């Protein structure tokens, strides 16, 4: 499980972040969580957390890797 926090400006930014995560290799599930839907929770096998965070940051700015946990 990978948790990435980001600061979406609008609903379109949330959609962009989810699309980037869904296209990453090994991802099986993507979900928005948190009070303001500002946490991207990604579940998958063999996902490169640093590369995924970098890709999200390029699309929506202000993204940070919060948690990487083995399920």
PDB file of N, CA and C in Angstrom:
ATOM      1  N   UNK A   1       0.851  -1.170   0.000  1.00  0.00           N
ATOM      2  CA  UNK A   1       0.000   0.000   0.000  1.00  0.00           C
ATOM      3  C   UNK A   1       0.897   1.233   0.000  1.00  0.00           C
ATOM      4  N   UNK A   2       0.562   2.183  -0.828  1.00  0.00           N
ATOM      5  CA  UNK A   2       1.288   3.442  -0.941  1.00  0.00           C
ATOM      6  C   UNK A   2       0.290   4.567  -0.714  1.00  0.00           C
ATOM      7  N   UNK A   3       0.652   5.511   0.142  1.00  0.00           N
ATOM      8  CA  UNK A   3      -0.199   6.674   0.394  1.00  0.00           C
ATOM      9  C   UNK A   3       0.569   7.914  -0.023  1.00  0.00           C
ATOM     10  N   UNK A   4      -0.048   8.685  -0.917  1.00  0.00           N
ATOM     11  CA  UNK A   4       0.543   9.932  -1.408  1.00  0.00           C
ATOM     12  C   UNK A   4      -0.397  11.073  -1.038  1.00  0.00           C
ATOM     13  N   UNK A   5       0.115  12.082  -0.361  1.00  0.00           N
ATOM     14  CA  UNK A   5      -0.708  13.250  -0.064  1.00  0.00           C
ATOM     15  C   UNK A   5      -0.459  14.296  -1.145  1.00  0.00           C
ATOM     16  N   UNK A   6      -1.515  14.997  -1.495  1.00  0.00           N
ATOM     17  CA  UNK A   6      -1.389  16.058  -2.497  1.00  0.00           C
ATOM     18  C   UNK A   6      -2.432  17.118  -2.221  1.00  0.00           C
ATOM     19  N   UNK A   7      -2.267  18.271  -2.849  1.00  0.00           N
ATOM     20  CA  UNK A   7      -3.184  19.384  -2.643  1.00  0.00           C
ATOM     21  C   UNK A   7      -3.937  19.658  -3.933  1.00  0.00           C
ATOM     22  N   UNK A   8      -5.071  18.992  -4.123  1.00  0.00           N
ATOM     23  CA  UNK A   8      -5.835  19.217  -5.358  1.00  0.00           C
ATOM     24  C   UNK A   8      -6.529  20.578  -5.339  1.00  0.00           C
ATOM     25  N   UNK A   9      -6.479  21.252  -6.455  1.00  0.00           N
ATOM     26  CA  UNK A   9      -7.136  22.547  -6.577  1.00  0.00           C
ATOM     27  C   UNK A   9      -8.597  22.388  -6.973  1.00  0.00           C
ATOM     28  N   UNK A  10      -8.912  21.265  -7.639  1.00  0.00           N
ATOM     29  CA  UNK A  10     -10.266  21.056  -8.126  1.00  0.00           C
ATOM     30  C   UNK A  10     -10.506  19.561  -8.329  1.00  0.00           C
ATOM     31  N   UNK A  11     -11.711  19.213  -8.728  1.00  0.00           N
ATOM     32  CA  UNK A  11     -12.041  17.825  -8.997  1.00  0.00           C
ATOM     33  C   UNK A  11     -11.251  17.259 -10.168  1.00  0.00           C
ATOM     34  N   UNK A  12     -10.930  18.103 -11.116  1.00  0.00           N
ATOM     35  CA  UNK A  12     -10.166  17.675 -12.285  1.00  0.00           C
ATOM     36  C   UNK A  12      -8.755  17.239 -11.876  1.00  0.00           C
ATOM     37  N   UNK A  13      -8.178  17.923 -10.893  1.00  0.00           N
ATOM     38  CA  UNK A  13      -6.848  17.556 -10.398  1.00  0.00           C
ATOM     39  C   UNK A  13      -6.879  16.193  -9.720  1.00  0.00           C
ATOM     40  N   UNK A  14      -7.942  15.917  -8.992  1.00  0.00           N
ATOM     41  CA  UNK A  14      -8.087  14.605  -8.356  1.00  0.00           C
ATOM     42  C   UNK A  14      -8.169  13.507  -9.421  1.00  0.00           C
ATOM     43  N   UNK A  15      -8.918  13.780 -10.469  1.00  0.00           N
ATOM     44  CA  UNK A  15      -9.058  12.817 -11.559  1.00  0.00           C
ATOM     45  C   UNK A  15      -7.716  12.569 -12.232  1.00  0.00           C
ATOM     46  N   UNK A  16      -6.946  13.627 -12.471  1.00  0.00           N
ATOM     47  CA  UNK A  16      -5.627  13.482 -13.091  1.00  0.00           C
ATOM     48  C   UNK A  16      -4.718  12.612 -12.233  1.00  0.00           C
ATOM     49  N   UNK A  17      -4.727  12.853 -10.930  1.00  0.00           N
ATOM     50  CA  UNK A  17      -3.887  12.077 -10.021  1.00  0.00           C
ATOM     51  C   UNK A  17      -4.276  10.603 -10.048  1.00  0.00           C
ATOM     52  N   UNK A  18      -5.567  10.323 -10.052  1.00  0.00           N
ATOM     53  CA  UNK A  18      -6.034   8.940 -10.096  1.00  0.00           C
ATOM     54  C   UNK A  18      -5.666   8.275 -11.413  1.00  0.00           C
ATOM     55  N   UNK A  19      -5.756   9.006 -12.510  1.00  0.00           N
ATOM     56  CA  UNK A  19      -5.409   8.450 -13.823  1.00  0.00           C
ATOM     57  C   UNK A  19      -3.922   8.097 -13.890  1.00  0.00           C
ATOM     58  N   UNK A  20      -3.071   8.962 -13.366  1.00  0.00           N
ATOM     59  CA  UNK A  20      -1.633   8.707 -13.358  1.00  0.00           C
ATOM     60  C   UNK A  20      -1.339   7.445 -12.556  1.00  0.00           C
ATOM     61  N   UNK A  21      -1.947   7.324 -11.387  1.00  0.00           N
ATOM     62  CA  UNK A  21      -1.707   6.165 -10.528  1.00  0.00           C
ATOM     63  C   UNK A  21      -2.248   4.880 -11.163  1.00  0.00           C
ATOM     64  N   UNK A  22      -3.396   4.963 -11.787  1.00  0.00           N
ATOM     65  CA  UNK A  22      -4.007   3.773 -12.391  1.00  0.00           C
ATOM     66  C   UNK A  22      -3.172   3.230 -13.552  1.00  0.00           C
ATOM     67  N   UNK A  23      -2.448   4.090 -14.237  1.00  0.00           N
ATOM     68  CA  UNK A  23      -1.654   3.669 -15.384  1.00  0.00           C
ATOM     69  C   UNK A  23      -0.294   3.082 -15.000  1.00  0.00           C
ATOM     70  N   UNK A  24       0.100   3.241 -13.736  1.00  0.00           N
ATOM     71  CA  UNK A  24       1.401   2.737 -13.291  1.00  0.00           C
ATOM     72  C   UNK A  24       1.415   1.210 -13.304  1.00  0.00           C
ATOM     73  N   UNK A  25       2.584   0.645 -13.579  1.00  0.00           N
ATOM     74  CA  UNK A  25       2.733  -0.804 -13.632  1.00  0.00           C
ATOM     75  C   UNK A  25       2.544  -1.431 -12.258  1.00  0.00           C
ATOM     76  N   UNK A  26       1.743  -2.483 -12.196  1.00  0.00           N
ATOM     77  CA  UNK A  26       1.539  -3.234 -10.970  1.00  0.00           C
ATOM     78  C   UNK A  26       0.404  -2.750 -10.092  1.00  0.00           C
ATOM     79  N   UNK A  27      -0.240  -1.652 -10.450  1.00  0.00           N
ATOM     80  CA  UNK A  27      -1.314  -1.103  -9.623  1.00  0.00           C
ATOM     81  C   UNK A  27      -2.600  -1.901  -9.834  1.00  0.00           C
ATOM     82  N   UNK A  28      -3.227  -2.284  -8.718  1.00  0.00           N
ATOM     83  CA  UNK A  28      -4.495  -3.013  -8.801  1.00  0.00           C
ATOM     84  C   UNK A  28      -5.671  -2.187  -8.297  1.00  0.00           C
ATOM     85  N   UNK A  29      -5.407  -1.194  -7.446  1.00  0.00           N
ATOM     86  CA  UNK A  29      -6.486  -0.401  -6.877  1.00  0.00           C
ATOM     87  C   UNK A  29      -5.996   1.012  -6.573  1.00  0.00           C
ATOM     88  N   UNK A  30      -6.854   2.004  -6.843  1.00  0.00           N
ATOM     89  CA  UNK A  30      -6.554   3.407  -6.540  1.00  0.00           C
ATOM     90  C   UNK A  30      -7.789   4.002  -5.874  1.00  0.00           C
ATOM     91  N   UNK A  31      -7.573   4.722  -4.773  1.00  0.00           N
ATOM     92  CA  UNK A  31      -8.698   5.284  -4.036  1.00  0.00           C
ATOM     93  C   UNK A  31      -8.303   6.623  -3.433  1.00  0.00           C
ATOM     94  N   UNK A  32      -9.244   7.566  -3.370  1.00  0.00           N
ATOM     95  CA  UNK A  32      -9.034   8.840  -2.691  1.00  0.00           C
ATOM     96  C   UNK A  32      -9.585   8.729  -1.284  1.00  0.00           C
ATOM     97  N   UNK A  33      -8.822   9.190  -0.311  1.00  0.00           N
ATOM     98  CA  UNK A  33      -9.263   9.153   1.080  1.00  0.00           C
ATOM     99  C   UNK A  33      -8.948  10.470   1.748  1.00  0.00           C
ATOM    100  N   UNK A  34      -9.463  10.639   2.934  1.00  0.00           N
ATOM    101  CA  UNK A  34      -9.214  11.850   3.711  1.00  0.00           C
ATOM    102  C   UNK A  34     -10.417  12.768   3.681  1.00  0.00           C
ATOM    103  N   UNK A  35     -10.409  13.704   4.584  1.00  0.00           N
ATOM    104  CA  UNK A  35     -11.527  14.642   4.712  1.00  0.00           C
ATOM    105  C   UNK A  35     -11.747  15.447   3.429  1.00  0.00           C
ATOM    106  N   UNK A  36     -10.658  15.884   2.815  1.00  0.00           N
ATOM    107  CA  UNK A  36     -10.751  16.676   1.586  1.00  0.00           C
ATOM    108  C   UNK A  36     -10.367  15.881   0.345  1.00  0.00           C
ATOM    109  N   UNK A  37     -10.372  14.555   0.468  1.00  0.00           N
ATOM    110  CA  UNK A  37      -9.965  13.671  -0.640  1.00  0.00           C
ATOM    111  C   UNK A  37      -8.568  14.046  -1.116  1.00  0.00           C
ATOM    112  N   UNK A  38      -7.667  14.272  -0.164  1.00  0.00           N
ATOM    113  CA  UNK A  38      -6.314  14.694  -0.511  1.00  0.00           C
ATOM    114  C   UNK A  38      -5.261  13.616  -0.269  1.00  0.00           C
ATOM    115  N   UNK A  39      -5.697  12.383  -0.070  1.00  0.00           N
ATOM    116  CA  UNK A  39      -4.778  11.253   0.046  1.00  0.00           C
ATOM    117  C   UNK A  39      -5.095  10.242  -1.042  1.00  0.00           C
ATOM    118  N   UNK A  40      -4.083   9.885  -1.799  1.00  0.00           N
ATOM    119  CA  UNK A  40      -4.211   8.900  -2.866  1.00  0.00           C
ATOM    120  C   UNK A  40      -3.660   7.584  -2.335  1.00  0.00           C
ATOM    121  N   UNK A  41      -4.515   6.582  -2.198  1.00  0.00           N
ATOM    122  CA  UNK A  41      -4.112   5.284  -1.674  1.00  0.00           C
ATOM    123  C   UNK A  41      -4.026   4.316  -2.848  1.00  0.00           C
ATOM    124  N   UNK A  42      -2.830   3.774  -3.054  1.00  0.00           N
ATOM    125  CA  UNK A  42      -2.563   2.895  -4.193  1.00  0.00           C
ATOM    126  C   UNK A  42      -2.173   1.517  -3.669  1.00  0.00           C
ATOM    127  N   UNK A  43      -2.829   0.496  -4.189  1.00  0.00           N
ATOM    128  CA  UNK A  43      -2.517  -0.880  -3.819  1.00  0.00           C
ATOM    129  C   UNK A  43      -2.086  -1.618  -5.077  1.00  0.00           C
ATOM    130  N   UNK A  44      -1.000  -2.359  -4.952  1.00  0.00           N
ATOM    131  CA  UNK A  44      -0.507  -3.107  -6.097  1.00  0.00           C
ATOM    132  C   UNK A  44       0.721  -3.906  -5.720  1.00  0.00           C
ATOM    133  N   UNK A  45       1.279  -4.588  -6.699  1.00  0.00           N
ATOM    134  CA  UNK A  45       2.438  -5.431  -6.474  1.00  0.00           C
ATOM    135  C   UNK A  45       3.603  -4.934  -7.333  1.00  0.00           C
ATOM    136  N   UNK A  46       4.723  -4.640  -6.697  1.00  0.00           N
ATOM    137  CA  UNK A  46       5.903  -4.195  -7.428  1.00  0.00           C
ATOM    138  C   UNK A  46       5.825  -2.771  -7.933  1.00  0.00           C
ATOM    139  N   UNK A  47       5.043  -1.921  -7.284  1.00  0.00           N
ATOM    140  CA  UNK A  47       4.895  -0.526  -7.708  1.00  0.00           C
ATOM    141  C   UNK A  47       6.057   0.284  -7.141  1.00  0.00           C
ATOM    142  N   UNK A  48       6.692   1.086  -7.974  1.00  0.00           N
ATOM    143  CA  UNK A  48       7.789   1.965  -7.556  1.00  0.00           C
ATOM    144  C   UNK A  48       7.174   3.226  -6.940  1.00  0.00           C
ATOM    145  N   UNK A  49       7.211   3.310  -5.618  1.00  0.00           N
ATOM    146  CA  UNK A  49       6.556   4.404  -4.895  1.00  0.00           C
ATOM    147  C   UNK A  49       7.156   5.762  -5.242  1.00  0.00           C
ATOM    148  N   UNK A  50       8.472   5.836  -5.339  1.00  0.00           N
ATOM    149  CA  UNK A  50       9.127   7.114  -5.644  1.00  0.00           C
ATOM    150  C   UNK A  50       8.777   7.599  -7.046  1.00  0.00           C
ATOM    151  N   UNK A  51       8.790   6.703  -8.009  1.00  0.00           N
ATOM    152  CA  UNK A  51       8.451   7.072  -9.384  1.00  0.00           C
ATOM    153  C   UNK A  51       6.985   7.476  -9.495  1.00  0.00           C
ATOM    154  N   UNK A  52       6.124   6.776  -8.779  1.00  0.00           N
ATOM    155  CA  UNK A  52       4.692   7.106  -8.794  1.00  0.00           C
ATOM    156  C   UNK A  52       4.454   8.488  -8.195  1.00  0.00           C
ATOM    157  N   UNK A  53       5.107   8.772  -7.089  1.00  0.00           N
ATOM    158  CA  UNK A  53       4.967  10.087  -6.452  1.00  0.00           C
ATOM    159  C   UNK A  53       5.464  11.189  -7.375  1.00  0.00           C
ATOM    160  N   UNK A  54       6.570  10.948  -8.042  1.00  0.00           N
ATOM    161  CA  UNK A  54       7.113  11.920  -8.983  1.00  0.00           C
ATOM    162  C   UNK A  54       6.140  12.172 -10.138  1.00  0.00           C
ATOM    163  N   UNK A  55       5.528  11.120 -10.639  1.00  0.00           N
ATOM    164  CA  UNK A  55       4.564  11.263 -11.740  1.00  0.00           C
ATOM    165  C   UNK A  55       3.348  12.063 -11.310  1.00  0.00           C
ATOM    166  N   UNK A  56       2.860  11.799 -10.109  1.00  0.00           N
ATOM    167  CA  UNK A  56       1.704  12.552  -9.593  1.00  0.00           C
ATOM    168  C   UNK A  56       2.101  14.010  -9.398  1.00  0.00           C
ATOM    169  N   UNK A  57       3.292  14.246  -8.889  1.00  0.00           N
ATOM    170  CA  UNK A  57       3.762  15.612  -8.661  1.00  0.00           C
ATOM    171  C   UNK A  57       3.838  16.397  -9.962  1.00  0.00           C
ATOM    172  N   UNK A  58       4.224  15.753 -11.044  1.00  0.00           N
ATOM    173  CA  UNK A  58       4.308  16.427 -12.341  1.00  0.00           C
ATOM    174  C   UNK A  58       2.934  16.866 -12.832  1.00  0.00           C
ATOM    175  N   UNK A  59       1.890  16.094 -12.502  1.00  0.00           N
ATOM    176  CA  UNK A  59       0.545  16.415 -12.976  1.00  0.00           C
ATOM    177  C   UNK A  59      -0.187  17.409 -12.086  1.00  0.00           C
ATOM    178  N   UNK A  60      -0.096  17.237 -10.759  1.00  0.00           N
ATOM    179  CA  UNK A  60      -0.919  18.052  -9.864  1.00  0.00           C
ATOM    180  C   UNK A  60      -0.132  18.937  -8.906  1.00  0.00           C
ATOM    181  N   UNK A  61       1.197  18.874  -8.952  1.00  0.00           N
ATOM    182  CA  UNK A  61       2.060  19.672  -8.070  1.00  0.00           C
ATOM    183  C   UNK A  61       1.829  19.283  -6.600  1.00  0.00           C
ATOM    184  N   UNK A  62       2.707  19.675  -5.755  1.00  0.00           N
ATOM    185  CA  UNK A  62       2.604  19.512  -4.304  1.00  0.00           C
ATOM    186  C   UNK A  62       2.159  18.115  -3.862  1.00  0.00           C
ATOM    187  N   UNK A  63       2.839  17.087  -4.324  1.00  0.00           N
ATOM    188  CA  UNK A  63       2.555  15.718  -3.893  1.00  0.00           C
ATOM    189  C   UNK A  63       3.728  15.201  -3.062  1.00  0.00           C
ATOM    190  N   UNK A  64       3.407  14.437  -2.022  1.00  0.00           N
ATOM    191  CA  UNK A  64       4.451  13.911  -1.148  1.00  0.00           C
ATOM    192  C   UNK A  64       4.124  12.471  -0.767  1.00  0.00           C
ATOM    193  N   UNK A  65       5.141  11.651  -0.715  1.00  0.00           N
ATOM    194  CA  UNK A  65       4.992  10.263  -0.324  1.00  0.00           C
ATOM    195  C   UNK A  65       4.835  10.193   1.181  1.00  0.00           C
ATOM    196  N   UNK A  66       3.733   9.655   1.659  1.00  0.00           N
ATOM    197  CA  UNK A  66       3.447   9.609   3.092  1.00  0.00           C
ATOM    198  C   UNK A  66       3.743   8.254   3.707  1.00  0.00           C
ATOM    199  N   UNK A  67       3.388   7.161   3.001  1.00  0.00           N
ATOM    200  CA  UNK A  67       3.491   5.847   3.601  1.00  0.00           C
ATOM    201  C   UNK A  67       3.694   4.783   2.533  1.00  0.00           C
ATOM    202  N   UNK A  68       4.587   3.847   2.813  1.00  0.00           N
ATOM    203  CA  UNK A  68       4.747   2.657   1.989  1.00  0.00           C
ATOM    204  C   UNK A  68       4.674   1.473   2.938  1.00  0.00           C
ATOM    205  N   UNK A  69       3.704   0.608   2.720  1.00  0.00           N
ATOM    206  CA  UNK A  69       3.464  -0.497   3.650  1.00  0.00           C
ATOM    207  C   UNK A  69       3.210  -1.776   2.871  1.00  0.00           C
ATOM    208  N   UNK A  70       3.837  -2.850   3.292  1.00  0.00           N
ATOM    209  CA  UNK A  70       3.651  -4.153   2.670  1.00  0.00           C
ATOM    210  C   UNK A  70       2.346  -4.764   3.180  1.00  0.00           C
ATOM    211  N   UNK A  71       1.516  -5.233   2.273  1.00  0.00           N
ATOM    212  CA  UNK A  71       0.250  -5.861   2.685  1.00  0.00           C
ATOM    213  C   UNK A  71       0.364  -7.356   2.734  1.00  0.00           C
TER     214      UNK A  71
END
